[in-house]
């Protein structure tokens, strides 16, 4: 595998929560494999909701009329070969914080050159099917970005850091990063 720039977008409001623990394990493995890692904390960024005003497409510029932290994320997305979406599972899907960032990608998604994507998600629910709506959404995002789904860590029954640390998922996240 050749080295690449990987953008990890963390969507949790809990800096030291389960999904970020898994992201950090992925990052550890990916750095050991020689990849360049950039992180963006969507969980604490100031990103306004998309207004569906279509200004980005009417002008043909792909530039959103809203000026906030999405400008920083857009710059990183334009320069990366791979994106990793990291989220806790809130009511069967991504956190609102990550969803804001994903929605705002609408302005320029068709200009991105992302080759691969991964999903890392942590859910309190012990039923692995809790991930089904999130997986469906993620796979549609990959289709829209015209990129390969390079893997998913679907950490069910990981409602707190202690449960996550005891699970198989930190090792799986590390291995995914190391072998990406």
Protein backbone atom coordinates (compact mmCIF):
# COMPACT_ATOMS: atom_id res chain seq x y z
CA UNK A 1 0.00 0.00 0.00
CA UNK A 2 1.25 3.45 -0.86
CA UNK A 3 1.06 6.19 1.72
CA UNK A 4 -1.76 8.70 1.52
CA UNK A 5 -3.25 11.67 3.26
CA UNK A 6 -6.17 10.60 5.43
CA UNK A 7 -8.70 13.03 6.90
CA UNK A 8 -10.40 11.76 10.06
CA UNK A 9 -13.61 13.68 10.81
CA UNK A 10 -14.62 13.14 14.44
CA UNK A 11 -18.32 13.76 15.03
CA UNK A 12 -18.65 13.24 18.77
CA UNK A 13 -19.36 15.94 21.34
CA UNK A 14 -17.43 13.72 23.80
CA UNK A 15 -13.71 14.27 23.19
CA UNK A 16 -12.82 11.22 25.27
CA UNK A 17 -15.79 9.08 24.24
CA UNK A 18 -16.01 5.67 22.60
CA UNK A 19 -16.04 6.72 18.94
CA UNK A 20 -13.01 8.97 19.42
CA UNK A 21 -11.20 6.18 21.27
CA UNK A 22 -11.73 3.98 18.20
CA UNK A 23 -10.66 6.81 15.88
CA UNK A 24 -7.46 7.23 17.87
CA UNK A 25 -6.72 3.51 17.49
CA UNK A 26 -7.29 3.77 13.73
CA UNK A 27 -4.97 6.80 13.62
CA UNK A 28 -2.29 4.95 15.57
CA UNK A 29 -2.34 2.09 13.08
CA UNK A 30 -2.45 4.38 10.05
CA UNK A 31 0.49 6.46 11.30
CA UNK A 32 2.49 3.27 11.89
CA UNK A 33 1.75 2.34 8.27
CA UNK A 34 3.24 5.69 7.20
CA UNK A 35 0.09 7.60 6.30
CA UNK A 36 -0.30 11.33 6.90
CA UNK A 37 -3.25 11.94 9.24
CA UNK A 38 -5.27 15.13 9.57
CA UNK A 39 -8.15 15.32 12.04
CA UNK A 40 -11.12 17.64 12.06
CA UNK A 41 -13.28 17.85 15.20
CA UNK A 42 -16.79 18.29 13.81
CA UNK A 43 -18.08 17.51 17.29
CA UNK A 44 -16.91 20.93 18.48
CA UNK A 45 -16.73 22.91 15.24
CA UNK A 46 -19.05 25.80 14.49
CA UNK A 47 -20.92 24.54 11.44
CA UNK A 48 -24.33 25.95 10.59
CA UNK A 49 -27.00 23.78 8.98
CA UNK A 50 -27.34 23.79 5.19
CA UNK A 51 -30.05 26.24 4.12
CA UNK A 52 -30.75 24.48 0.80
CA UNK A 53 -30.54 27.93 -0.79
CA UNK A 54 -28.56 26.52 -3.73
CA UNK A 55 -26.24 29.57 -3.80
CA UNK A 56 -23.32 27.13 -4.11
CA UNK A 57 -24.72 25.70 -7.34
CA UNK A 58 -26.40 28.79 -8.81
CA UNK A 59 -23.06 30.57 -8.99
CA UNK A 60 -21.30 27.43 -10.24
CA UNK A 61 -18.57 28.09 -7.71
CA UNK A 62 -19.31 25.41 -5.11
CA UNK A 63 -18.82 28.12 -2.51
CA UNK A 64 -21.31 28.11 0.35
CA UNK A 65 -22.85 31.41 1.40
CA UNK A 66 -22.34 30.44 5.06
CA UNK A 67 -18.96 31.35 6.53
CA UNK A 68 -17.94 29.13 9.43
CA UNK A 69 -15.66 26.20 10.28
CA UNK A 70 -16.87 24.36 7.18
CA UNK A 71 -14.39 26.45 5.21
CA UNK A 72 -11.55 24.73 7.10
CA UNK A 73 -13.09 21.29 6.58
CA UNK A 74 -13.62 21.99 2.86
CA UNK A 75 -9.93 22.86 2.47
CA UNK A 76 -8.95 19.57 4.12
CA UNK A 77 -11.46 17.56 2.06
CA UNK A 78 -10.12 19.09 -1.16
CA UNK A 79 -6.59 17.94 -0.24
CA UNK A 80 -7.25 14.40 1.00
CA UNK A 81 -7.32 11.02 -0.71
CA UNK A 82 -9.28 9.30 2.03
CA UNK A 83 -11.86 10.35 4.58
CA UNK A 84 -12.83 8.55 7.78
CA UNK A 85 -16.23 9.41 9.22
CA UNK A 86 -16.29 8.88 13.01
CA UNK A 87 -19.52 9.08 14.97
CA UNK A 88 -21.42 7.89 17.97
CA UNK A 89 -24.76 6.43 16.94
CA UNK A 90 -27.53 8.78 18.01
CA UNK A 91 -31.04 7.61 17.26
CA UNK A 92 -29.99 5.13 14.58
CA UNK A 93 -27.61 7.38 12.64
CA UNK A 94 -24.76 9.91 12.82
CA UNK A 95 -24.48 12.55 15.49
CA UNK A 96 -26.04 15.88 14.57
CA UNK A 97 -22.56 17.41 14.64
CA UNK A 98 -21.24 15.08 11.93
CA UNK A 99 -24.50 15.36 9.97
CA UNK A 100 -24.05 19.14 9.76
CA UNK A 101 -20.64 18.67 8.14
CA UNK A 102 -21.90 15.98 5.76
CA UNK A 103 -24.88 18.10 4.72
CA UNK A 104 -22.65 21.06 3.99
CA UNK A 105 -20.43 18.90 1.74
CA UNK A 106 -23.31 19.17 -0.72
CA UNK A 107 -21.91 22.50 -1.95
CA UNK A 108 -18.75 20.91 -3.38
CA UNK A 109 -18.92 17.11 -3.09
CA UNK A 110 -18.78 16.68 -6.88
CA UNK A 111 -15.39 18.45 -7.02
CA UNK A 112 -13.71 16.19 -4.46
CA UNK A 113 -11.14 13.57 -5.44
CA UNK A 114 -11.55 11.23 -2.49
CA UNK A 115 -10.58 7.69 -3.44
CA UNK A 116 -11.54 5.82 -0.28
CA UNK A 117 -13.66 6.21 2.85
CA UNK A 118 -14.10 4.41 6.16
CA UNK A 119 -16.76 4.54 8.84
CA UNK A 120 -16.09 4.20 12.55
CA UNK A 121 -19.19 4.18 14.75
CA UNK A 122 -19.91 3.36 18.39
CA UNK A 123 -23.37 2.59 19.75
CA UNK A 124 -24.69 1.85 23.21
CA UNK A 125 -27.21 -0.67 21.86
CA UNK A 126 -26.15 -4.33 21.98
CA UNK A 127 -28.08 -5.21 18.81
CA UNK A 128 -25.71 -4.94 15.85
CA UNK A 129 -28.67 -3.99 13.63
CA UNK A 130 -28.69 -0.60 15.35
CA UNK A 131 -26.06 0.25 12.71
CA UNK A 132 -28.21 -0.58 9.66
CA UNK A 133 -29.55 2.95 8.93
CA UNK A 134 -26.08 4.45 9.46
CA UNK A 135 -24.46 1.89 7.15
CA UNK A 136 -27.05 2.59 4.46
CA UNK A 137 -26.38 6.34 4.73
CA UNK A 138 -22.60 5.84 4.68
CA UNK A 139 -22.74 3.60 1.59
CA UNK A 140 -24.84 6.25 -0.20
CA UNK A 141 -22.24 8.87 0.74
CA UNK A 142 -19.53 6.66 -0.77
CA UNK A 143 -21.57 6.37 -3.98
CA UNK A 144 -22.06 10.14 -4.12
CA UNK A 145 -18.34 10.74 -3.57
CA UNK A 146 -17.51 8.04 -6.13
CA UNK A 147 -15.13 6.45 -3.65
CA UNK A 148 -14.43 2.97 -2.36
CA UNK A 149 -15.82 1.86 0.99
CA UNK A 150 -12.49 0.82 2.52
CA UNK A 151 -14.01 -0.56 5.71
CA UNK A 152 -16.31 -0.09 8.67
CA UNK A 153 -15.87 -0.51 12.41
CA UNK A 154 -19.39 -0.92 13.77
CA UNK A 155 -18.88 -1.00 17.53
CA UNK A 156 -22.22 -2.02 18.99
CA UNK A 157 -22.64 -2.48 22.75
CA UNK A 158 -20.04 0.24 23.36
CA UNK A 159 -22.03 2.79 25.33
CA UNK A 160 -19.10 3.95 27.45
CA UNK A 161 -15.33 4.02 27.21
CA UNK A 162 -14.84 1.10 29.60
CA UNK A 163 -17.13 -1.17 27.56
CA UNK A 164 -15.39 -0.07 24.38
CA UNK A 165 -11.93 -0.75 25.81
CA UNK A 166 -13.02 -4.28 26.81
CA UNK A 167 -14.46 -4.99 23.35
CA UNK A 168 -12.78 -6.31 20.20
CA UNK A 169 -13.29 -2.99 18.43
CA UNK A 170 -10.18 -0.99 19.48
CA UNK A 171 -7.96 -3.73 18.06
CA UNK A 172 -10.10 -3.90 14.90
CA UNK A 173 -9.81 -0.11 14.45
CA UNK A 174 -6.03 -0.27 14.92
CA UNK A 175 -5.72 -3.11 12.41
CA UNK A 176 -7.92 -1.29 9.89
CA UNK A 177 -5.68 1.78 10.15
CA UNK A 178 -2.50 -0.29 9.88
CA UNK A 179 -3.74 -2.18 6.81
CA UNK A 180 -5.50 0.63 4.96
